Amino acid sequence: MIYRAVTRAAGPLAELAGPLAGADWRERLAMDDEVLHPPGGVWLHGASVGELTSARGVARALGRDLPLVVTANTATGRNLAADWCRDGWAAEARLAPLDLPGAVERFLDLFAPSVIVTVENEIWPNRAAAARARGIAQVVVGARMSARSAARWGRARRLVGPVLGGIDALSAQDAGSEARLVALGLRPDALMPPLQLKLIDPAATPAPDPNAARDATFLAASTHPGEDEVVVDAFLRARQAAPDLRLILAPRHPRRADEVAALVRARGLALSRRSGGQDAVGPGGVLLVDVLGEMARWYAAAGVCLTGGSLVDHGGHTPWEPAGHGCAILHGPHVGNAADDYAALDAAGAALAVAPGDLGAAVARLAGDPGRARDMGGRARALLRDRAGDPAALVARILDLAHRSA
């Protein structure tokens, strides 16, 4: 009651400032009237770039069947959604309306969605109440609820309970989140199978084409200062046992490329640079990837991959992209950013922890035993698919709700 009263009082004040404010503020108040698609579609909302990126696979599937308006709380999130519009599978990208009753009602009047899909925990009371009043279906994807957050939400049960009780379908990230959300007021029959949204796109990566060149290629992905020297020296040692071995070296920050190139040349190695137009490397040589946005290409080209940020104390980068490409994954001891993920991959025989001084021997063993490397890559892909889950049932449920509400 207090929340509703405060937001109702704040609404007129915000609207008074609308004519004097910038376009973004007016957009957040839904004070414009330009709509680019017919009513009855899907409103997909995520806080910003990270949330929308994680929901890309679900959004693409929904956009094939219904008009899709995508909102975010930030301009960078809106810009990402605008790229989806240019790609043809989203209809419109906007800043989300503020959770003020007037702004929410105007937005719903403009777009008349048949279903609202919210990513993670971007659940707002006025938005939820307006959707319930209009009979608009509500879905949450990738929901997560820690014990600490559940305790905090539990102190506002009269506000939270009706919001959660009005959700028609929810897919959580884990069983713990499911249990906490049900305890807070979510209907058990609204639960859908758990999904790890951020893993859906990597899990959909096509299986690699096994070939001798890939078996003989070692990728060091997203390396940090202090790692390149270790990688190049390990490559030199491994090449003694596997003379045809190739190295693709991709620093995390391409601005370090000249420094890394000098290091490679100082070791007497043949060097090609991606910025110079090279896209392949001969036996015994090094390709320096000094451009951004092409990592998927290099994962696909390498049978063995070291995940950077793990030989030095940077916490380690995600193992799931190389897993999606069926790489045999090597990593150092510093994987705190994804410790559980690496532990699961290690336990499944899909990844191998190595000390910096042992990297050369590990690369040589895998280059000399392509069958083992391919087996590790297959195990990594299998674990990834199992953890990601299949979004097909969730997408079908959302489409069904949309058609019922339309």
Protein backbone atom coordinates (compact mmCIF):
# COMPACT_ATOMS: atom_id res chain seq x y z
CA MET A 1 0.00 0.00 0.00
CA ILE A 2 2.84 2.37 0.89
CA TYR A 3 4.69 1.54 -2.34
CA ARG A 4 1.60 2.10 -4.47
CA ALA A 5 0.83 5.38 -2.70
CA VAL A 6 4.37 6.72 -3.08
CA THR A 7 4.61 5.81 -6.76
CA ARG A 8 1.17 7.27 -7.49
CA ALA A 9 2.24 10.53 -5.89
CA ALA A 10 5.56 10.55 -7.72
CA GLY A 11 4.00 9.95 -11.12
CA PRO A 12 2.45 13.40 -11.69
CA LEU A 13 5.65 15.10 -10.57
CA ALA A 14 7.69 13.07 -13.03
CA GLU A 15 5.19 13.83 -15.80
CA LEU A 16 5.39 17.59 -15.13
CA ALA A 17 9.10 17.38 -15.89
CA GLY A 18 8.47 15.37 -19.06
CA PRO A 19 8.13 18.24 -21.55
CA LEU A 20 11.39 19.76 -20.29
CA ALA A 21 13.33 16.52 -19.99
CA GLY A 22 15.21 14.66 -22.66
CA ALA A 23 13.84 12.04 -25.01
CA ASP A 24 15.05 9.18 -22.82
CA TRP A 25 13.11 10.47 -19.81
CA ARG A 26 9.95 10.86 -21.88
CA GLU A 27 10.46 7.34 -23.20
CA ARG A 28 10.68 6.01 -19.65
CA LEU A 29 7.42 7.76 -18.88
CA ALA A 30 5.85 6.33 -22.08
CA MET A 31 4.90 9.88 -23.07
CA ASP A 32 5.38 9.23 -26.79
CA ASP A 33 2.94 7.48 -29.06
CA GLU A 34 5.05 5.87 -31.78
CA VAL A 35 4.51 2.12 -32.07
CA LEU A 36 6.11 0.22 -34.92
CA HIS A 37 4.28 -3.12 -34.75
CA PRO A 38 0.78 -4.52 -34.19
CA PRO A 39 -0.57 -5.32 -30.70
CA GLY A 40 -0.71 -8.76 -29.16
CA GLY A 41 3.00 -9.53 -29.17
CA VAL A 42 5.58 -10.26 -26.49
CA TRP A 43 7.12 -7.66 -24.20
CA LEU A 44 10.57 -8.93 -23.20
CA HIS A 45 12.36 -7.00 -20.46
CA GLY A 46 15.87 -7.30 -19.03
CA ALA A 47 17.73 -4.87 -16.81
CA SER A 48 20.64 -4.26 -19.17
CA VAL A 49 23.11 -5.86 -21.57
CA GLY A 50 24.00 -8.88 -19.45
CA GLU A 51 20.42 -9.96 -18.85
CA LEU A 52 19.34 -9.43 -22.45
CA THR A 53 22.42 -11.20 -23.80
CA SER A 54 21.63 -14.22 -21.64
CA ALA A 55 18.08 -14.32 -23.04
CA ARG A 56 19.14 -13.99 -26.68
CA GLY A 57 18.21 -17.58 -27.60
CA VAL A 58 14.74 -17.36 -26.04
CA ALA A 59 14.15 -13.94 -27.60
CA ARG A 60 15.15 -15.15 -31.06
CA ALA A 61 12.75 -18.10 -30.81
CA LEU A 62 9.86 -15.88 -29.67
CA GLY A 63 10.54 -13.27 -32.34
CA ARG A 64 10.05 -15.87 -35.07
CA ASP A 65 6.37 -16.25 -34.10
CA LEU A 66 5.20 -12.96 -32.58
CA PRO A 67 6.07 -9.25 -32.65
CA LEU A 68 8.69 -8.67 -29.96
CA VAL A 69 9.21 -5.38 -28.15
CA VAL A 70 12.37 -5.44 -26.01
CA THR A 71 13.01 -3.04 -23.14
CA ALA A 72 15.92 -2.36 -20.80
CA ASN A 73 16.62 0.05 -17.99
CA THR A 74 19.79 1.36 -19.65
CA ALA A 75 20.64 2.95 -22.98
CA THR A 76 23.29 0.28 -23.62
CA GLY A 77 20.68 -2.42 -23.15
CA ARG A 78 18.34 -0.62 -25.54
CA ASN A 79 21.17 -0.37 -28.08
CA LEU A 80 21.71 -4.13 -27.88
CA ALA A 81 18.00 -4.69 -28.49
CA ALA A 82 18.16 -2.26 -31.43
CA ASP A 83 20.73 -4.59 -33.00
CA TRP A 84 18.20 -7.41 -32.68
CA CYS A 85 15.68 -5.25 -34.53
CA ARG A 86 18.17 -4.70 -37.35
CA ASP A 87 18.75 -8.45 -37.46
CA GLY A 88 15.02 -8.88 -38.03
CA TRP A 89 13.87 -10.92 -35.04
CA ALA A 90 12.77 -8.11 -32.72
CA ALA A 91 10.22 -5.48 -33.70
CA GLU A 92 11.14 -2.59 -31.42
CA ALA A 93 13.68 -1.58 -28.76
CA ARG A 94 12.91 0.93 -26.01
CA LEU A 95 13.76 2.01 -22.53
CA ALA A 96 11.43 0.35 -20.03
CA PRO A 97 8.72 2.43 -18.40
CA LEU A 98 9.40 3.50 -14.82
CA ASP A 99 7.33 1.57 -12.29
CA LEU A 100 4.92 4.47 -11.90
CA PRO A 101 1.25 3.61 -12.42
CA GLY A 102 0.71 6.19 -15.15
CA ALA A 103 3.85 5.25 -17.08
CA VAL A 104 3.03 1.55 -16.92
CA GLU A 105 -0.58 2.07 -18.01
CA ARG A 106 0.47 4.28 -20.95
CA PHE A 107 3.07 1.73 -22.05
CA LEU A 108 0.52 -1.08 -21.95
CA ASP A 109 -1.96 1.08 -23.86
CA LEU A 110 0.66 1.72 -26.55
CA PHE A 111 1.90 -1.83 -27.04
CA ALA A 112 -0.97 -4.03 -25.77
CA PRO A 113 1.26 -7.09 -25.25
CA SER A 114 -0.34 -10.48 -24.75
CA VAL A 115 2.50 -11.72 -22.54
CA ILE A 116 5.29 -10.09 -20.52
CA VAL A 117 8.56 -12.01 -20.27
CA THR A 118 10.95 -10.79 -17.58
CA VAL A 119 14.60 -11.85 -17.38
CA GLU A 120 15.97 -12.81 -13.95
CA ASN A 121 14.64 -10.69 -11.06
CA GLU A 122 13.38 -7.55 -12.82
CA ILE A 123 9.94 -7.84 -11.23
CA TRP A 124 8.09 -4.59 -10.45
CA PRO A 125 4.90 -4.30 -8.36
CA ASN A 126 2.98 -1.74 -10.41
CA ARG A 127 3.87 -3.46 -13.67
CA ALA A 128 2.74 -6.81 -12.25
CA ALA A 129 -0.51 -5.36 -10.87
CA ALA A 130 -1.38 -3.69 -14.18
CA ALA A 131 -0.71 -6.91 -16.07
CA ARG A 132 -2.96 -8.87 -13.70
CA ALA A 133 -5.74 -6.32 -14.06
CA ARG A 134 -5.58 -6.53 -17.85
CA GLY A 135 -5.28 -10.30 -18.01
CA ILE A 136 -1.79 -10.16 -19.55
CA ALA A 137 0.19 -13.34 -18.94
CA GLN A 138 3.45 -12.97 -16.98
CA VAL A 139 6.54 -15.14 -17.37
CA VAL A 140 9.94 -14.98 -15.67
CA VAL A 141 12.99 -16.67 -17.23
CA GLY A 142 16.34 -17.31 -15.58
CA ALA A 143 15.01 -16.40 -12.12
CA ARG A 144 17.42 -16.65 -9.23
CA MET A 145 16.87 -16.13 -5.54
CA SER A 146 19.67 -16.48 -3.02
CA ALA A 147 18.95 -17.22 0.63
CA ARG A 148 20.00 -13.68 1.51
CA SER A 149 17.67 -12.13 -1.09
CA ALA A 150 14.82 -14.40 0.00
CA ALA A 151 15.18 -13.15 3.57
CA ARG A 152 15.04 -9.57 2.36
CA TRP A 153 12.03 -10.19 0.11
CA GLY A 154 10.36 -12.03 2.98
CA ARG A 155 10.17 -8.80 4.96
CA ALA A 156 7.81 -7.41 2.30
CA ARG A 157 5.51 -10.40 1.84
CA ARG A 158 2.38 -8.29 1.32
CA LEU A 159 4.08 -6.61 -1.61
CA VAL A 160 5.96 -9.61 -2.97
CA GLY A 161 3.29 -12.31 -2.50
CA PRO A 162 0.72 -10.95 -5.00
CA VAL A 163 3.49 -10.22 -7.52
CA LEU A 164 4.81 -13.77 -7.43
CA GLY A 165 1.32 -15.25 -7.20
CA GLY A 166 0.40 -13.58 -10.48
CA ILE A 167 3.21 -15.23 -12.46
CA ASP A 168 1.94 -17.79 -14.96
CA ALA A 169 5.25 -19.50 -15.72
CA LEU A 170 8.72 -19.25 -14.22
CA SER A 171 11.98 -20.98 -15.07
CA ALA A 172 14.59 -20.68 -12.34
CA GLN A 173 18.33 -21.22 -12.58
CA ASP A 174 18.46 -23.85 -9.85
CA ALA A 175 16.36 -25.88 -7.43
CA GLY A 176 17.23 -23.64 -4.47
CA SER A 177 15.81 -20.59 -6.24
CA GLU A 178 12.65 -22.54 -7.07
CA ALA A 179 12.06 -23.50 -3.44
CA ARG A 180 12.64 -19.97 -2.15
CA LEU A 181 10.33 -18.39 -4.72
CA VAL A 182 7.53 -20.87 -3.92
CA ALA A 183 7.96 -20.10 -0.22
CA LEU A 184 7.55 -16.40 -1.03
CA GLY A 185 4.29 -16.89 -2.93
CA LEU A 186 4.97 -18.39 -6.37
CA ARG A 187 2.40 -21.01 -7.35
CA PRO A 188 4.09 -24.43 -7.69
CA ASP A 189 2.17 -25.11 -10.89
CA ALA A 190 3.88 -22.12 -12.50
CA LEU A 191 7.31 -23.79 -12.33
CA MET A 192 8.97 -24.74 -15.60
CA PRO A 193 12.16 -26.82 -16.00
CA PRO A 194 15.29 -24.96 -14.82
CA LEU A 195 17.41 -23.21 -17.45
CA GLN A 196 20.84 -21.61 -17.40
CA LEU A 197 20.08 -18.85 -19.89
CA LYS A 198 23.68 -17.82 -20.40
CA LEU A 199 24.53 -21.34 -21.52
CA ILE A 200 21.78 -21.78 -24.11
CA ASP A 201 23.63 -20.07 -26.97
CA PRO A 202 26.95 -21.86 -26.32
CA ALA A 203 25.06 -25.16 -26.05
CA ALA A 204 23.54 -24.56 -29.49
CA THR A 205 26.98 -24.25 -31.13
CA PRO A 206 27.30 -26.75 -34.01
CA ALA A 207 29.56 -29.70 -33.30
CA PRO A 208 33.12 -29.21 -34.60
CA ASP A 209 34.36 -30.92 -37.72
CA PRO A 210 37.17 -33.23 -36.56
CA ASN A 211 40.28 -32.83 -38.69
CA ALA A 212 44.04 -33.12 -38.37
CA ALA A 213 44.66 -29.36 -38.54
CA ARG A 214 42.30 -28.74 -35.61
CA ASP A 215 43.90 -31.56 -33.64
CA ALA A 216 47.27 -29.83 -34.08
CA THR A 217 46.10 -26.34 -33.05
CA PHE A 218 46.44 -24.93 -29.53
CA LEU A 219 44.50 -21.78 -28.64
CA ALA A 220 45.36 -19.54 -25.69
CA ALA A 221 42.16 -17.50 -25.31
CA SER A 222 41.86 -14.12 -23.58
CA THR A 223 45.33 -14.10 -22.03
CA HIS A 224 46.45 -11.48 -19.52
CA PRO A 225 49.89 -9.96 -18.82
CA GLY A 226 52.13 -12.63 -17.34
CA GLU A 227 50.41 -15.44 -19.25
CA ASP A 228 51.72 -14.87 -22.78
CA GLU A 229 55.30 -15.72 -21.80
CA VAL A 230 54.13 -18.93 -20.14
CA VAL A 231 52.05 -19.87 -23.19
CA VAL A 232 54.79 -19.20 -25.74
CA ASP A 233 57.39 -21.11 -23.73
CA ALA A 234 54.94 -23.99 -23.24
CA PHE A 235 54.31 -24.01 -26.99
CA LEU A 236 58.05 -24.25 -27.66
CA ARG A 237 58.36 -27.22 -25.31
CA ALA A 238 55.29 -28.96 -26.71
CA ARG A 239 56.54 -28.45 -30.26
CA GLN A 240 59.56 -30.61 -29.47
CA ALA A 241 57.20 -33.59 -29.16
CA ALA A 242 54.69 -32.36 -31.78
CA PRO A 243 56.58 -30.43 -34.49
CA ASP A 244 53.41 -29.64 -36.48
CA LEU A 245 51.73 -27.96 -33.52
CA ARG A 246 50.25 -24.49 -34.21
CA LEU A 247 49.52 -21.74 -31.69
CA ILE A 248 46.69 -19.19 -31.85
CA LEU A 249 47.38 -16.52 -29.23
CA ALA A 250 44.46 -14.18 -28.44
CA PRO A 251 45.25 -11.56 -25.76
CA ARG A 252 42.27 -10.32 -23.79
CA HIS A 253 43.14 -6.73 -24.74
CA PRO A 254 44.36 -6.25 -28.34
CA ARG A 255 46.14 -3.05 -27.34
CA ARG A 256 48.89 -5.32 -25.97
CA ALA A 257 49.39 -6.87 -29.41
CA ASP A 258 52.70 -5.16 -30.24
CA GLU A 259 54.14 -6.21 -26.90
CA VAL A 260 53.01 -9.82 -27.41
CA ALA A 261 54.29 -9.83 -31.01
CA ALA A 262 57.73 -8.73 -29.81
CA LEU A 263 57.71 -11.56 -27.26
CA VAL A 264 56.88 -14.14 -29.95
CA ARG A 265 59.54 -12.86 -32.33
CA ALA A 266 62.13 -12.83 -29.53
CA ARG A 267 61.59 -16.59 -29.23
CA GLY A 268 62.40 -17.01 -32.92
CA LEU A 269 58.90 -18.10 -33.92
CA ALA A 270 57.17 -17.42 -37.23
CA LEU A 271 54.40 -14.89 -36.54
CA SER A 272 51.24 -13.93 -38.42
CA ARG A 273 48.89 -11.18 -37.25
CA ARG A 274 45.15 -11.22 -37.72
CA SER A 275 45.11 -7.42 -38.12
CA GLY A 276 47.31 -7.90 -41.16
CA GLY A 277 44.69 -10.06 -42.83
CA GLN A 278 46.08 -13.49 -41.92
CA ASP A 279 43.51 -16.06 -40.86
CA ALA A 280 45.56 -19.25 -40.68
CA VAL A 281 48.87 -20.44 -39.30
CA GLY A 282 51.28 -23.01 -40.66
CA PRO A 283 52.82 -25.92 -38.74
CA GLY A 284 55.07 -24.66 -35.96
CA GLY A 285 53.89 -21.06 -36.31
CA VAL A 286 51.92 -18.54 -34.25
CA LEU A 287 48.84 -16.54 -35.22
CA LEU A 288 48.36 -13.46 -33.06
CA VAL A 289 44.68 -12.51 -32.86
CA ASP A 290 44.84 -8.76 -32.35
CA VAL A 291 41.24 -7.92 -33.26
CA LEU A 292 37.99 -8.24 -31.30
CA GLY A 293 34.79 -10.14 -31.98
CA GLU A 294 36.13 -13.32 -33.58
CA MET A 295 36.67 -15.72 -30.69
CA ALA A 296 34.08 -18.21 -31.92
CA ARG A 297 36.15 -18.64 -35.07
CA TRP A 298 39.28 -19.49 -33.12
CA TYR A 299 37.53 -21.87 -30.73
CA ALA A 300 36.24 -23.69 -33.81
CA ALA A 301 39.79 -23.88 -35.22
CA ALA A 302 41.50 -25.32 -32.13
CA GLY A 303 41.26 -28.77 -30.61
CA VAL A 304 42.94 -27.69 -27.36
CA CYS A 305 42.19 -24.43 -25.56
CA LEU A 306 43.69 -22.70 -22.54
CA THR A 307 41.21 -20.35 -20.85
CA GLY A 308 43.04 -17.14 -20.01
CA GLY A 309 43.03 -15.35 -16.72
CA SER A 310 43.65 -18.66 -14.97
CA LEU A 311 47.46 -18.90 -15.01
CA VAL A 312 47.62 -15.54 -13.20
CA ASP A 313 45.21 -14.31 -10.56
CA HIS A 314 42.34 -12.98 -12.70
CA GLY A 315 39.76 -15.59 -11.73
CA GLY A 316 39.60 -17.36 -15.09
CA HIS A 317 37.30 -16.66 -18.05
CA THR A 318 34.24 -18.72 -18.90
CA PRO A 319 34.90 -22.30 -19.93
CA TRP A 320 31.54 -22.69 -21.66
CA GLU A 321 32.38 -21.06 -24.98
CA PRO A 322 35.27 -23.46 -25.67
CA ALA A 323 33.08 -26.26 -24.31
CA GLY A 324 30.42 -25.43 -26.89
CA HIS A 325 33.02 -25.81 -29.63
CA GLY A 326 34.19 -29.15 -28.30
CA CYS A 327 37.65 -27.98 -27.22
CA ALA A 328 39.73 -29.95 -24.76
CA ILE A 329 40.00 -27.34 -21.99
CA LEU A 330 43.15 -26.56 -20.04
CA HIS A 331 43.17 -24.05 -17.21
CA GLY A 332 45.44 -22.77 -14.49
CA PRO A 333 44.80 -22.69 -10.74
CA HIS A 334 43.03 -19.28 -10.67
CA VAL A 335 39.40 -20.01 -11.60
CA GLY A 336 37.51 -18.32 -8.77
CA ASN A 337 35.12 -16.55 -11.17
CA ALA A 338 33.62 -19.91 -12.14
CA ALA A 339 34.98 -22.36 -9.60
CA ASP A 340 31.95 -24.66 -9.62
CA ASP A 341 31.89 -24.79 -13.43
CA TYR A 342 35.56 -25.72 -13.67
CA ALA A 343 35.20 -28.28 -10.89
CA ALA A 344 32.35 -29.95 -12.78
CA LEU A 345 34.31 -29.99 -16.03
CA ASP A 346 37.39 -31.39 -14.29
CA ALA A 347 35.32 -34.10 -12.61
CA ALA A 348 33.74 -35.05 -15.95
CA GLY A 349 37.11 -35.46 -17.63
CA ALA A 350 36.31 -32.48 -19.88
CA ALA A 351 38.96 -30.10 -18.53
CA LEU A 352 42.35 -30.36 -16.91
CA ALA A 353 43.94 -28.11 -14.30
CA VAL A 354 47.63 -27.46 -14.94
CA ALA A 355 50.33 -25.51 -13.15
CA PRO A 356 52.04 -22.91 -15.38
CA GLY A 357 55.22 -24.97 -15.50
CA ASP A 358 53.32 -28.07 -16.66
CA LEU A 359 51.40 -26.44 -19.50
CA GLY A 360 53.85 -27.50 -22.23
CA ALA A 361 53.71 -31.16 -21.21
CA ALA A 362 49.90 -31.10 -21.09
CA VAL A 363 49.64 -29.57 -24.56
CA ALA A 364 52.14 -32.09 -25.95
CA ARG A 365 50.16 -35.03 -24.53
CA LEU A 366 46.90 -33.85 -26.08
CA ALA A 367 48.51 -32.97 -29.41
CA GLY A 368 50.04 -36.42 -29.47
CA ASP A 369 46.76 -38.12 -28.58
CA PRO A 370 44.01 -36.47 -30.67
CA GLY A 371 41.52 -39.12 -29.60
CA ARG A 372 41.84 -38.08 -25.98
CA ALA A 373 41.50 -34.39 -26.86
CA ARG A 374 38.36 -35.09 -28.91
CA ASP A 375 36.93 -37.16 -26.07
CA MET A 376 37.51 -34.28 -23.63
CA GLY A 377 35.82 -31.90 -26.04
CA GLY A 378 32.84 -34.23 -26.39
CA ARG A 379 32.51 -34.50 -22.62
CA ALA A 380 32.61 -30.71 -22.32
CA ARG A 381 29.81 -30.33 -24.88
CA ALA A 382 27.69 -32.97 -23.14
CA LEU A 383 28.05 -31.30 -19.74
CA LEU A 384 27.25 -27.91 -21.25
CA ARG A 385 24.05 -29.17 -22.87
CA ASP A 386 22.99 -30.84 -19.63
CA ARG A 387 23.56 -27.68 -17.60
CA ALA A 388 21.94 -25.33 -20.10
CA GLY A 389 18.67 -27.23 -20.35
CA ASP A 390 16.32 -27.22 -23.32
CA PRO A 391 14.36 -23.96 -23.78
CA ALA A 392 11.84 -25.53 -26.17
CA ALA A 393 9.22 -26.26 -23.50
CA LEU A 394 9.52 -22.74 -22.06
CA VAL A 395 9.22 -21.10 -25.48
CA ALA A 396 6.17 -23.26 -26.28
CA ARG A 397 4.57 -22.28 -22.95
CA ILE A 398 5.16 -18.57 -23.60
CA LEU A 399 3.67 -18.80 -27.09
CA ASP A 400 0.68 -20.71 -25.73
CA LEU A 401 0.08 -18.03 -23.08
CA ALA A 402 0.42 -15.31 -25.69
CA HIS A 403 -2.18 -16.90 -27.96
CA ARG A 404 -4.56 -17.46 -25.05
CA SER A 405 -4.27 -13.82 -23.91
CA ALA A 406 -4.47 -12.28 -27.39
